[in-house]
């Protein structure tokens, strides 16, 4: 992935990352899929996904940066609801454009 990656390219790369990290069927992954509730991720899986994203984009992310991108002051239930494949893809595109 690079700063010129399209939405569909970012989604395809993220989908591959999630499939590898969570060992799930790619057909389950849609933009609206919630990472925790729909795809079955646990907290430790988010670290794995983060490291795989860092490898794919070629630079480090700050600890908690992904969660902070969802909004400030969110409780765990709000994070579980807002952390979707689409929100993660948007975060990645935003970070790529900033780099």
N, C-alpha and C. Protein backbone atom coordinates (compact mmCIF):
# COMPACT_ATOMS: atom_id res chain seq x y z
N UNK A 1 0.85 -1.18 0.00
CA UNK A 1 0.00 0.00 0.00
C UNK A 1 0.89 1.24 0.00
N UNK A 2 0.41 2.27 -0.66
CA UNK A 2 1.11 3.55 -0.65
C UNK A 2 0.10 4.68 -0.68
N UNK A 3 0.58 5.92 -0.67
CA UNK A 3 -0.34 7.06 -0.56
C UNK A 3 -1.27 7.20 -1.76
N UNK A 4 -0.99 6.52 -2.86
CA UNK A 4 -1.85 6.57 -4.03
C UNK A 4 -2.79 5.37 -4.13
N UNK A 5 -2.80 4.53 -3.11
CA UNK A 5 -3.68 3.35 -3.12
C UNK A 5 -5.14 3.77 -3.12
N UNK A 6 -5.92 3.10 -3.93
CA UNK A 6 -7.36 3.38 -4.00
C UNK A 6 -8.06 2.73 -2.82
N UNK A 7 -9.33 3.12 -2.62
CA UNK A 7 -10.12 2.51 -1.56
C UNK A 7 -10.18 1.00 -1.73
N UNK A 8 -10.39 0.55 -2.95
CA UNK A 8 -10.51 -0.89 -3.18
C UNK A 8 -9.18 -1.61 -2.95
N UNK A 9 -8.07 -0.98 -3.25
CA UNK A 9 -6.76 -1.58 -2.98
C UNK A 9 -6.50 -1.69 -1.48
N UNK A 10 -6.85 -0.64 -0.75
CA UNK A 10 -6.68 -0.66 0.71
C UNK A 10 -7.58 -1.73 1.31
N UNK A 11 -8.84 -1.80 0.85
CA UNK A 11 -9.77 -2.81 1.36
C UNK A 11 -9.24 -4.22 1.08
N UNK A 12 -8.75 -4.46 -0.13
CA UNK A 12 -8.23 -5.78 -0.48
C UNK A 12 -7.05 -6.17 0.40
N UNK A 13 -6.13 -5.22 0.63
CA UNK A 13 -4.97 -5.48 1.48
C UNK A 13 -5.40 -5.72 2.93
N UNK A 14 -6.33 -4.90 3.42
CA UNK A 14 -6.82 -5.05 4.79
C UNK A 14 -7.56 -6.38 4.95
N UNK A 15 -8.34 -6.74 3.97
CA UNK A 15 -9.07 -8.01 4.00
C UNK A 15 -8.09 -9.17 4.14
N UNK A 16 -7.02 -9.13 3.37
CA UNK A 16 -6.00 -10.17 3.44
C UNK A 16 -5.36 -10.22 4.83
N UNK A 17 -5.08 -9.05 5.39
CA UNK A 17 -4.50 -8.96 6.74
C UNK A 17 -5.44 -9.58 7.77
N UNK A 18 -6.71 -9.25 7.69
CA UNK A 18 -7.69 -9.75 8.66
C UNK A 18 -7.86 -11.27 8.51
N UNK A 19 -7.90 -11.75 7.29
CA UNK A 19 -8.02 -13.20 7.05
C UNK A 19 -6.85 -13.93 7.70
N UNK A 20 -5.64 -13.42 7.51
CA UNK A 20 -4.45 -14.05 8.08
C UNK A 20 -4.45 -13.96 9.61
N UNK A 21 -4.80 -12.80 10.14
CA UNK A 21 -4.73 -12.59 11.59
C UNK A 21 -5.82 -13.38 12.34
N UNK A 22 -7.02 -13.40 11.78
CA UNK A 22 -8.14 -14.03 12.48
C UNK A 22 -8.46 -15.44 11.97
N UNK A 23 -7.81 -15.82 10.86
CA UNK A 23 -8.04 -17.13 10.24
C UNK A 23 -9.53 -17.36 10.00
N UNK A 24 -10.13 -16.43 9.26
CA UNK A 24 -11.56 -16.52 8.95
C UNK A 24 -11.78 -16.53 7.45
N UNK A 25 -12.97 -16.90 7.06
CA UNK A 25 -13.39 -16.94 5.66
C UNK A 25 -13.45 -15.51 5.12
N UNK A 26 -12.78 -15.23 4.01
CA UNK A 26 -12.80 -13.88 3.43
C UNK A 26 -14.22 -13.39 3.10
N UNK A 27 -15.13 -14.30 2.85
CA UNK A 27 -16.51 -13.92 2.51
C UNK A 27 -17.21 -13.21 3.67
N UNK A 28 -16.72 -13.40 4.89
CA UNK A 28 -17.32 -12.76 6.07
C UNK A 28 -16.94 -11.28 6.19
N UNK A 29 -15.94 -10.87 5.44
CA UNK A 29 -15.38 -9.53 5.62
C UNK A 29 -15.99 -8.54 4.64
N UNK A 30 -16.71 -7.58 5.19
CA UNK A 30 -17.31 -6.49 4.42
C UNK A 30 -16.93 -5.18 5.10
N UNK A 31 -17.12 -4.07 4.42
CA UNK A 31 -16.76 -2.77 5.01
C UNK A 31 -17.49 -2.53 6.33
N UNK A 32 -18.72 -2.98 6.44
CA UNK A 32 -19.50 -2.75 7.66
C UNK A 32 -19.27 -3.76 8.76
N UNK A 33 -18.44 -4.77 8.51
CA UNK A 33 -18.18 -5.81 9.52
C UNK A 33 -17.46 -5.22 10.72
N UNK A 34 -18.01 -5.47 11.90
CA UNK A 34 -17.37 -5.02 13.14
C UNK A 34 -16.27 -6.02 13.48
N UNK A 35 -15.09 -5.48 13.75
CA UNK A 35 -13.90 -6.30 13.97
C UNK A 35 -14.10 -7.27 15.14
N UNK A 36 -14.68 -6.79 16.24
CA UNK A 36 -14.87 -7.64 17.41
C UNK A 36 -16.13 -8.51 17.28
N UNK A 37 -17.27 -7.87 17.15
CA UNK A 37 -18.54 -8.59 17.25
C UNK A 37 -18.88 -9.44 16.03
N UNK A 38 -18.54 -8.98 14.84
CA UNK A 38 -18.88 -9.75 13.64
C UNK A 38 -17.78 -10.72 13.22
N UNK A 39 -16.52 -10.31 13.42
CA UNK A 39 -15.41 -11.13 12.95
C UNK A 39 -14.72 -11.93 14.05
N UNK A 40 -15.13 -11.68 15.29
CA UNK A 40 -14.64 -12.49 16.40
C UNK A 40 -13.26 -12.15 16.93
N UNK A 41 -12.76 -10.96 16.64
CA UNK A 41 -11.44 -10.57 17.15
C UNK A 41 -11.47 -10.37 18.66
N UNK A 42 -10.33 -10.60 19.26
CA UNK A 42 -10.12 -10.30 20.67
C UNK A 42 -9.07 -9.19 20.73
N UNK A 43 -8.87 -8.63 21.90
CA UNK A 43 -7.94 -7.50 22.05
C UNK A 43 -6.56 -7.82 21.50
N UNK A 44 -6.05 -9.01 21.78
CA UNK A 44 -4.72 -9.40 21.32
C UNK A 44 -4.66 -9.44 19.79
N UNK A 45 -5.79 -9.74 19.15
CA UNK A 45 -5.83 -9.79 17.69
C UNK A 45 -5.62 -8.40 17.09
N UNK A 46 -6.04 -7.38 17.80
CA UNK A 46 -5.87 -6.01 17.30
C UNK A 46 -4.38 -5.68 17.21
N UNK A 47 -3.60 -6.16 18.16
CA UNK A 47 -2.15 -5.96 18.09
C UNK A 47 -1.57 -6.64 16.86
N UNK A 48 -1.99 -7.86 16.61
CA UNK A 48 -1.52 -8.60 15.44
C UNK A 48 -1.90 -7.86 14.16
N UNK A 49 -3.14 -7.41 14.09
CA UNK A 49 -3.61 -6.66 12.92
C UNK A 49 -2.80 -5.38 12.76
N UNK A 50 -2.56 -4.69 13.86
CA UNK A 50 -1.76 -3.45 13.81
C UNK A 50 -0.37 -3.71 13.26
N UNK A 51 0.29 -4.77 13.75
CA UNK A 51 1.64 -5.08 13.28
C UNK A 51 1.64 -5.43 11.80
N UNK A 52 0.63 -6.15 11.36
CA UNK A 52 0.52 -6.51 9.95
C UNK A 52 0.26 -5.26 9.08
N UNK A 53 -0.53 -4.33 9.60
CA UNK A 53 -0.77 -3.07 8.88
C UNK A 53 0.54 -2.30 8.78
N UNK A 54 1.28 -2.20 9.88
CA UNK A 54 2.56 -1.50 9.86
C UNK A 54 3.49 -2.08 8.81
N UNK A 55 3.55 -3.40 8.74
CA UNK A 55 4.40 -4.05 7.75
C UNK A 55 3.94 -3.70 6.33
N UNK A 56 2.62 -3.71 6.13
CA UNK A 56 2.06 -3.45 4.80
C UNK A 56 2.26 -2.01 4.35
N UNK A 57 2.19 -1.05 5.30
CA UNK A 57 2.31 0.35 4.92
C UNK A 57 3.73 0.88 5.05
N UNK A 58 4.58 0.14 5.76
CA UNK A 58 5.98 0.49 5.82
C UNK A 58 6.37 1.52 6.86
N UNK A 59 5.50 1.78 7.83
CA UNK A 59 5.89 2.66 8.93
C UNK A 59 5.11 2.29 10.19
N UNK A 60 5.64 2.74 11.33
CA UNK A 60 5.06 2.42 12.64
C UNK A 60 3.84 3.29 12.93
N UNK A 61 2.92 2.71 13.68
CA UNK A 61 1.76 3.43 14.20
C UNK A 61 1.96 3.59 15.69
N UNK A 62 1.46 4.69 16.22
CA UNK A 62 1.55 4.90 17.66
C UNK A 62 0.58 3.96 18.37
N UNK A 63 0.95 3.56 19.58
CA UNK A 63 0.07 2.71 20.37
C UNK A 63 -1.25 3.44 20.60
N UNK A 64 -2.35 2.79 20.34
CA UNK A 64 -3.67 3.39 20.55
C UNK A 64 -4.15 4.30 19.43
N UNK A 65 -3.32 4.50 18.42
CA UNK A 65 -3.67 5.43 17.33
C UNK A 65 -4.93 5.00 16.58
N UNK A 66 -5.08 3.72 16.35
CA UNK A 66 -6.25 3.24 15.63
C UNK A 66 -7.52 3.51 16.44
N UNK A 67 -7.48 3.21 17.72
CA UNK A 67 -8.65 3.42 18.58
C UNK A 67 -8.96 4.91 18.70
N UNK A 68 -7.93 5.74 18.85
CA UNK A 68 -8.15 7.19 18.95
C UNK A 68 -8.78 7.76 17.68
N UNK A 69 -8.52 7.11 16.54
CA UNK A 69 -9.09 7.61 15.29
C UNK A 69 -10.61 7.47 15.26
N UNK A 70 -11.15 6.66 16.14
CA UNK A 70 -12.61 6.45 16.19
C UNK A 70 -13.32 7.58 16.92
N UNK A 71 -12.58 8.30 17.76
CA UNK A 71 -13.16 9.39 18.54
C UNK A 71 -12.59 9.37 19.94
N UNK A 72 -12.67 10.49 20.61
CA UNK A 72 -12.14 10.62 21.96
C UNK A 72 -13.18 10.21 23.00
N UNK A 73 -12.71 9.64 24.09
CA UNK A 73 -13.56 9.35 25.23
C UNK A 73 -14.56 8.22 25.02
N UNK A 74 -14.29 7.32 24.10
CA UNK A 74 -15.22 6.23 23.84
C UNK A 74 -15.04 5.12 24.88
N UNK A 75 -16.16 4.53 25.30
CA UNK A 75 -16.05 3.38 26.19
C UNK A 75 -15.88 2.11 25.34
N UNK A 76 -15.66 0.99 26.00
CA UNK A 76 -15.39 -0.26 25.28
C UNK A 76 -16.52 -0.64 24.33
N UNK A 77 -17.76 -0.46 24.75
CA UNK A 77 -18.89 -0.81 23.88
C UNK A 77 -18.93 0.06 22.63
N UNK A 78 -18.63 1.34 22.78
CA UNK A 78 -18.60 2.24 21.63
C UNK A 78 -17.46 1.87 20.68
N UNK A 79 -16.33 1.51 21.23
CA UNK A 79 -15.19 1.09 20.40
C UNK A 79 -15.57 -0.18 19.63
N UNK A 80 -16.16 -1.14 20.31
CA UNK A 80 -16.58 -2.40 19.67
C UNK A 80 -17.54 -2.13 18.51
N UNK A 81 -18.40 -1.14 18.68
CA UNK A 81 -19.39 -0.80 17.65
C UNK A 81 -18.75 -0.05 16.48
N UNK A 82 -17.84 0.87 16.78
CA UNK A 82 -17.27 1.75 15.75
C UNK A 82 -16.09 1.15 14.99
N UNK A 83 -15.40 0.17 15.58
CA UNK A 83 -14.23 -0.40 14.92
C UNK A 83 -14.70 -1.43 13.89
N UNK A 84 -14.86 -0.95 12.67
CA UNK A 84 -15.30 -1.79 11.56
C UNK A 84 -14.18 -1.90 10.54
N UNK A 85 -14.36 -2.80 9.60
CA UNK A 85 -13.40 -2.91 8.51
C UNK A 85 -13.32 -1.58 7.76
N UNK A 86 -14.47 -0.95 7.56
CA UNK A 86 -14.51 0.33 6.85
C UNK A 86 -13.79 1.44 7.61
N UNK A 87 -13.99 1.51 8.93
CA UNK A 87 -13.31 2.55 9.70
C UNK A 87 -11.80 2.31 9.73
N UNK A 88 -11.42 1.05 9.75
CA UNK A 88 -9.99 0.72 9.73
C UNK A 88 -9.39 1.04 8.36
N UNK A 89 -10.11 0.76 7.30
CA UNK A 89 -9.63 1.09 5.95
C UNK A 89 -9.50 2.61 5.79
N UNK A 90 -10.47 3.37 6.31
CA UNK A 90 -10.40 4.83 6.23
C UNK A 90 -9.20 5.36 7.02
N UNK A 91 -8.95 4.77 8.19
CA UNK A 91 -7.79 5.15 8.99
C UNK A 91 -6.50 4.92 8.20
N UNK A 92 -6.40 3.75 7.56
CA UNK A 92 -5.19 3.43 6.80
C UNK A 92 -4.99 4.41 5.65
N UNK A 93 -6.06 4.70 4.90
CA UNK A 93 -5.94 5.64 3.78
C UNK A 93 -5.51 7.01 4.29
N UNK A 94 -6.07 7.45 5.40
CA UNK A 94 -5.73 8.75 5.97
C UNK A 94 -4.25 8.78 6.36
N UNK A 95 -3.78 7.72 7.03
CA UNK A 95 -2.38 7.67 7.45
C UNK A 95 -1.43 7.61 6.26
N UNK A 96 -1.82 6.88 5.22
CA UNK A 96 -0.98 6.81 4.02
C UNK A 96 -0.85 8.18 3.39
N UNK A 97 -1.92 8.95 3.36
CA UNK A 97 -1.90 10.27 2.75
C UNK A 97 -1.09 11.26 3.58
N UNK A 98 -1.04 11.05 4.90
CA UNK A 98 -0.26 11.92 5.78
C UNK A 98 1.24 11.64 5.67
N UNK A 99 1.60 10.42 5.30
CA UNK A 99 3.00 10.01 5.29
C UNK A 99 3.77 10.67 4.17
